[in-house]
Structure formats: structure tokens, C-alpha cells
Amino acid sequence: MQIETIANKNADRDYVVNIEFPEFTCVCPKTGLPDFATIKIEYIPDKLIVELKSLKMYFISYRNVGTFHEDVANKILDDLVAACKPKKMKIIGEFNVRGGIKTSVTALYPTT
């Protein structure tokens, strides 16, 4: 699924965009059971901003994908950076408790 972008009409200044998707789902590659998460995006755009409907469809495309929490947070970061080429971006995947374990993964661009 392709993430679409639109021109940033305010590219002459730095500002922070925060997006939350509390309905993210994927599948545990070990058990096949569903994983539920909130994906949080924080970025400083450059010339492009993320188009939100395409982002929603991108997230939905993970619904039946078997992936580890660490991999999915980093893949989302890679795909978003490739699409909008931000000045800075942070992705946080806050995965719901399953089996008594709660996972939160933060992926950063540029890496620090």
C-alpha cells in the first residue's frame, strides 16, 4: 500500500505534526494471534506532508501480516521517511498487553 503525500504549504517554518492510530492490528508471527497497538507518529515535515486517508489504508494493510513489534515500528518509519522525507520523525508502537507483557517500540529518524 502506497503512502501518499501532499505539498507542505508551510515549508518555510518548522512545526510538529502528531498523528495517532489507536486501531492498529497485525498478527504475531509465532502464534498467529492478533496484536493490537496504538501507532503514534511525530514528525517535522520538510516539503511534503502525509496524506491521512492513504496512511489509514497503509495501516489497515498490516491486519493479516505476521510481524514482530520491533520490525513493524521500524518498517513504518522506513516507509514514511521514504514517502515524505521529513526533517525528523519518531514512530512509537504501543502494543497492548498479551501474555502479561506490554511492548512499546520507538523508532527514530534520523537515528541518534
Protein backbone atom coordinates (compact mmCIF):
# COMPACT_ATOMS: atom_id res chain seq x y z
CA MET A 1 0.00 0.00 0.00
CA GLN A 2 1.47 3.36 -1.04
CA ILE A 3 1.56 6.30 1.35
CA GLU A 4 0.53 9.46 -0.48
CA THR A 5 1.84 12.93 0.29
CA ILE A 6 0.79 16.49 -0.40
CA ALA A 7 2.77 19.69 -0.67
CA ASN A 8 3.59 21.39 2.63
CA LYS A 9 2.22 24.92 2.26
CA ASN A 10 4.13 25.94 5.40
CA ALA A 11 7.55 24.59 4.47
CA ASP A 12 9.14 27.93 5.39
CA ARG A 13 8.86 27.09 9.11
CA ASP A 14 9.38 24.14 11.39
CA TYR A 15 6.33 22.71 13.11
CA VAL A 16 5.46 19.36 14.64
CA VAL A 17 2.75 17.03 13.35
CA ASN A 18 1.36 14.37 15.72
CA ILE A 19 -0.79 11.53 14.41
CA GLU A 20 -2.25 8.62 16.41
CA PHE A 21 -3.79 5.46 15.04
CA PRO A 22 -5.32 3.57 18.01
CA GLU A 23 -6.76 0.74 15.89
CA PHE A 24 -3.56 -0.82 14.51
CA THR A 25 -3.58 -4.60 14.19
CA CYS A 26 -1.10 -7.16 12.94
CA VAL A 27 -0.51 -10.83 13.65
CA CYS A 28 2.08 -12.50 15.88
CA PRO A 29 4.38 -14.45 13.54
CA LYS A 30 4.90 -17.15 16.19
CA THR A 31 1.31 -17.84 17.29
CA GLY A 32 -0.86 -16.34 14.56
CA LEU A 33 -2.80 -14.46 17.24
CA PRO A 34 -3.73 -10.81 16.65
CA ASP A 35 -1.68 -8.00 18.13
CA PHE A 36 -3.33 -4.65 18.84
CA ALA A 37 -1.49 -1.35 19.14
CA THR A 38 -1.64 2.39 19.03
CA ILE A 39 0.81 3.79 16.50
CA LYS A 40 1.98 7.32 17.26
CA ILE A 41 3.77 9.44 14.68
CA GLU A 42 5.56 12.69 15.43
CA TYR A 43 7.39 14.47 12.65
CA ILE A 44 8.74 17.79 11.44
CA PRO A 45 7.84 18.00 7.75
CA ASP A 46 10.02 19.40 5.02
CA LYS A 47 8.44 19.88 1.58
CA LEU A 48 5.79 17.14 1.92
CA ILE A 49 3.19 16.07 4.47
CA VAL A 50 1.48 12.70 4.84
CA GLU A 51 -2.00 12.36 3.36
CA LEU A 52 -4.09 10.82 6.15
CA LYS A 53 -6.53 8.62 4.19
CA SER A 54 -3.67 6.82 2.46
CA LEU A 55 -1.95 6.44 5.85
CA LYS A 56 -5.07 4.81 7.27
CA MET A 57 -5.21 2.37 4.35
CA TYR A 58 -1.49 1.66 4.78
CA PHE A 59 -2.06 0.78 8.45
CA ILE A 60 -5.04 -1.43 7.59
CA SER A 61 -2.83 -3.38 5.16
CA TYR A 62 -0.98 -4.82 8.20
CA ARG A 63 -4.10 -6.53 9.54
CA ASN A 64 -3.11 -10.05 8.41
CA VAL A 65 0.67 -9.58 8.33
CA GLY A 66 2.78 -11.66 10.70
CA THR A 67 5.44 -9.36 12.13
CA PHE A 68 7.33 -8.66 15.34
CA HIS A 69 6.66 -5.40 17.19
CA GLU A 70 10.20 -4.12 16.67
CA ASP A 71 10.08 -4.85 12.94
CA VAL A 72 6.72 -3.20 12.34
CA ALA A 73 7.71 0.08 14.08
CA ASN A 74 10.91 0.29 12.04
CA LYS A 75 9.16 -0.65 8.77
CA ILE A 76 6.54 2.06 9.31
CA LEU A 77 9.34 4.55 9.94
CA ASP A 78 11.21 3.49 6.79
CA ASP A 79 8.07 3.71 4.64
CA LEU A 80 7.03 7.11 5.99
CA VAL A 81 10.53 8.59 5.66
CA ALA A 82 10.71 7.32 2.07
CA ALA A 83 7.32 8.86 1.29
CA CYS A 84 7.58 12.32 2.85
CA LYS A 85 11.30 12.87 3.53
CA PRO A 86 10.77 14.71 6.84
CA LYS A 87 13.36 16.69 8.75
CA LYS A 88 12.73 14.47 11.80
CA MET A 89 10.35 11.63 12.60
CA LYS A 90 9.52 9.40 15.55
CA ILE A 91 7.29 6.34 15.46
CA ILE A 92 6.03 4.79 18.68
CA GLY A 93 4.24 1.47 18.63
CA GLU A 94 2.43 0.89 21.93
CA PHE A 95 1.28 -2.72 21.81
CA ASN A 96 -1.46 -3.98 24.10
CA VAL A 97 -0.69 -6.44 26.87
CA ARG A 98 -0.68 -10.05 25.76
CA GLY A 99 0.60 -12.94 27.86
CA GLY A 100 1.39 -10.49 30.65
CA ILE A 101 3.83 -8.45 28.54
CA LYS A 102 3.37 -4.93 27.23
CA THR A 103 5.69 -3.73 24.48
CA SER A 104 6.49 -0.19 23.36
CA VAL A 105 8.88 0.37 20.46
CA THR A 106 10.28 3.78 19.43
CA ALA A 107 11.98 4.21 16.05
CA LEU A 108 13.78 7.48 15.21
CA TYR A 109 14.84 9.34 12.06
CA PRO A 110 17.49 10.45 11.80
CA THR A 111 18.99 7.90 14.11
CA THR A 112 20.55 9.43 17.20
